[in-house]
Protein backbone atom coordinates (compact mmCIF):
# COMPACT_ATOMS: atom_id res chain seq x y z
CA MET A 1 0.00 0.00 0.00
CA ARG A 2 1.34 3.37 -0.92
CA ARG A 3 1.49 5.88 1.92
CA HIS A 4 0.37 9.43 1.27
CA TRP A 5 1.50 12.28 3.45
CA ALA A 6 -0.67 15.11 4.69
CA TRP A 7 1.00 18.46 5.05
CA GLY A 8 0.08 20.76 7.86
CA PRO A 9 1.51 23.75 9.68
CA LEU A 10 4.06 21.48 11.35
CA GLY A 11 5.26 19.83 8.16
CA ARG A 12 4.72 16.25 7.13
CA SER A 13 2.11 14.29 9.04
CA VAL A 14 1.94 10.53 9.49
CA ARG A 15 -1.81 10.71 8.92
CA ARG A 16 -3.40 10.10 5.56
CA PRO A 17 -4.76 13.30 3.96
CA ASP A 18 -8.38 12.36 4.75
CA GLU A 19 -7.48 11.64 8.38
CA TRP A 20 -5.65 14.98 8.61
CA HIS A 21 -8.65 16.88 7.23
CA ASP A 22 -11.03 14.99 9.53
CA LEU A 23 -8.86 15.88 12.52
CA LEU A 24 -8.81 19.55 11.52
CA ALA A 25 -12.60 19.48 11.03
CA ARG A 26 -13.05 18.04 14.54
CA ALA A 27 -10.79 20.75 15.94
CA ARG A 28 -12.74 23.45 14.08
CA ALA A 29 -16.10 22.11 15.32
CA ASP A 30 -14.73 21.91 18.86
CA ARG A 31 -13.43 25.49 18.61
CA GLU A 32 -16.90 26.70 17.62
CA LYS A 33 -18.47 24.71 20.48
CA ARG A 34 -15.98 26.14 22.98
CA VAL A 35 -17.00 29.67 21.99
CA ILE A 36 -20.59 28.84 22.93
CA ASP A 37 -20.22 26.75 26.08
CA GLY A 38 -16.54 27.06 27.04
CA LYS A 39 -16.00 23.28 27.13
CA SER A 40 -13.84 21.12 24.90
CA GLU A 41 -14.89 17.63 23.83
CA LEU A 42 -12.73 14.80 25.14
CA ALA A 43 -11.27 12.25 22.75
CA ASP A 44 -9.17 9.15 23.27
CA ARG A 45 -5.54 10.22 23.35
CA SER A 46 -4.59 7.86 20.51
CA GLN A 47 -7.00 9.71 18.18
CA ILE A 48 -5.12 12.95 18.78
CA LEU A 49 -1.52 11.88 19.35
CA LEU A 50 -1.44 9.00 16.82
CA PRO A 51 1.46 7.06 18.32
CA ASP A 52 3.45 4.44 16.47
CA ARG A 53 2.86 0.84 17.56
CA GLN A 54 5.82 0.65 19.93
CA SER A 55 4.98 3.98 21.62
CA ALA A 56 1.34 2.95 21.99
CA GLU A 57 2.35 -0.31 23.67
CA LEU A 58 4.76 1.45 26.04
CA ALA A 59 2.19 4.09 26.94
CA ALA A 60 -0.54 1.48 27.50
CA ALA A 61 1.77 -0.52 29.77
CA ALA A 62 2.69 2.61 31.75
CA ARG A 63 -0.98 3.60 32.16
CA LYS A 64 -2.27 0.07 32.83
CA ASP A 65 -2.14 0.07 36.63
CA ASN A 66 -2.21 3.83 37.11
CA PRO A 67 -5.69 5.06 38.10
CA ASN A 68 -4.53 8.65 37.58
CA ALA A 69 -3.40 8.08 33.99
CA ILE A 70 -4.92 10.40 31.42
CA ASN A 71 -6.60 8.41 28.67
CA ALA A 72 -8.61 11.23 27.11
CA LEU A 73 -7.49 14.64 25.93
CA PRO A 74 -9.56 17.68 25.07
CA LEU A 75 -9.77 18.40 21.34
CA GLU A 76 -8.49 21.85 22.26
CA TYR A 77 -5.08 20.16 22.46
CA ILE A 78 -5.04 19.97 18.65
CA ASP A 79 -5.16 23.76 18.34
CA GLU A 80 -2.55 24.21 21.04
CA THR A 81 -0.22 21.73 19.35
CA LEU A 82 -0.61 23.37 15.94
CA GLN A 83 0.18 26.76 17.46
CA PHE A 84 3.45 25.53 18.97
CA HIS A 85 6.53 26.37 16.90
CA PRO A 86 9.72 25.18 18.62
CA GLU A 87 11.86 27.13 16.16
CA TRP A 88 10.46 30.34 17.69
CA VAL A 89 11.86 29.56 21.15
CA VAL A 90 14.94 27.42 20.57
CA ASP A 91 17.27 30.45 20.43
CA LYS A 92 15.97 31.58 23.83
CA ILE A 93 16.61 28.17 25.38
CA ALA A 94 20.05 27.60 23.89
CA PRO A 95 21.39 30.84 22.39
CA ARG A 96 24.79 29.37 21.50
CA PRO A 97 25.66 26.20 19.66
CA VAL A 98 27.74 23.76 21.68
CA LEU A 99 29.87 20.87 20.50
CA PHE A 100 31.23 18.42 23.07
CA ILE A 101 34.04 16.17 22.00
CA THR A 102 35.07 13.49 24.44
CA TYR A 103 37.92 11.07 24.40
CA ARG A 104 38.80 8.20 26.71
CA ARG A 105 42.12 6.41 26.67
């Protein structure tokens, strides 16, 4: 099966184009709902974060016996994630490049 890539504000997405557009439509609908009632719809975290198989298994194992684990995220998280641009803050976190060279005899 040939994999198609959806392009978004953050670059290439691992979602198919129809999945990407569906996700953006859910975020848009949730944004409109939040304006009216101030509440964001909750969705299963895997619908928003879309982990790879290994990450999903590790996360499920970590959350398995944890009653405080978060298994649902507000759809508002999609907007917040799309608004995050690490390249805007990286120079404030590490203003100088650093190269460490180590050697052990």
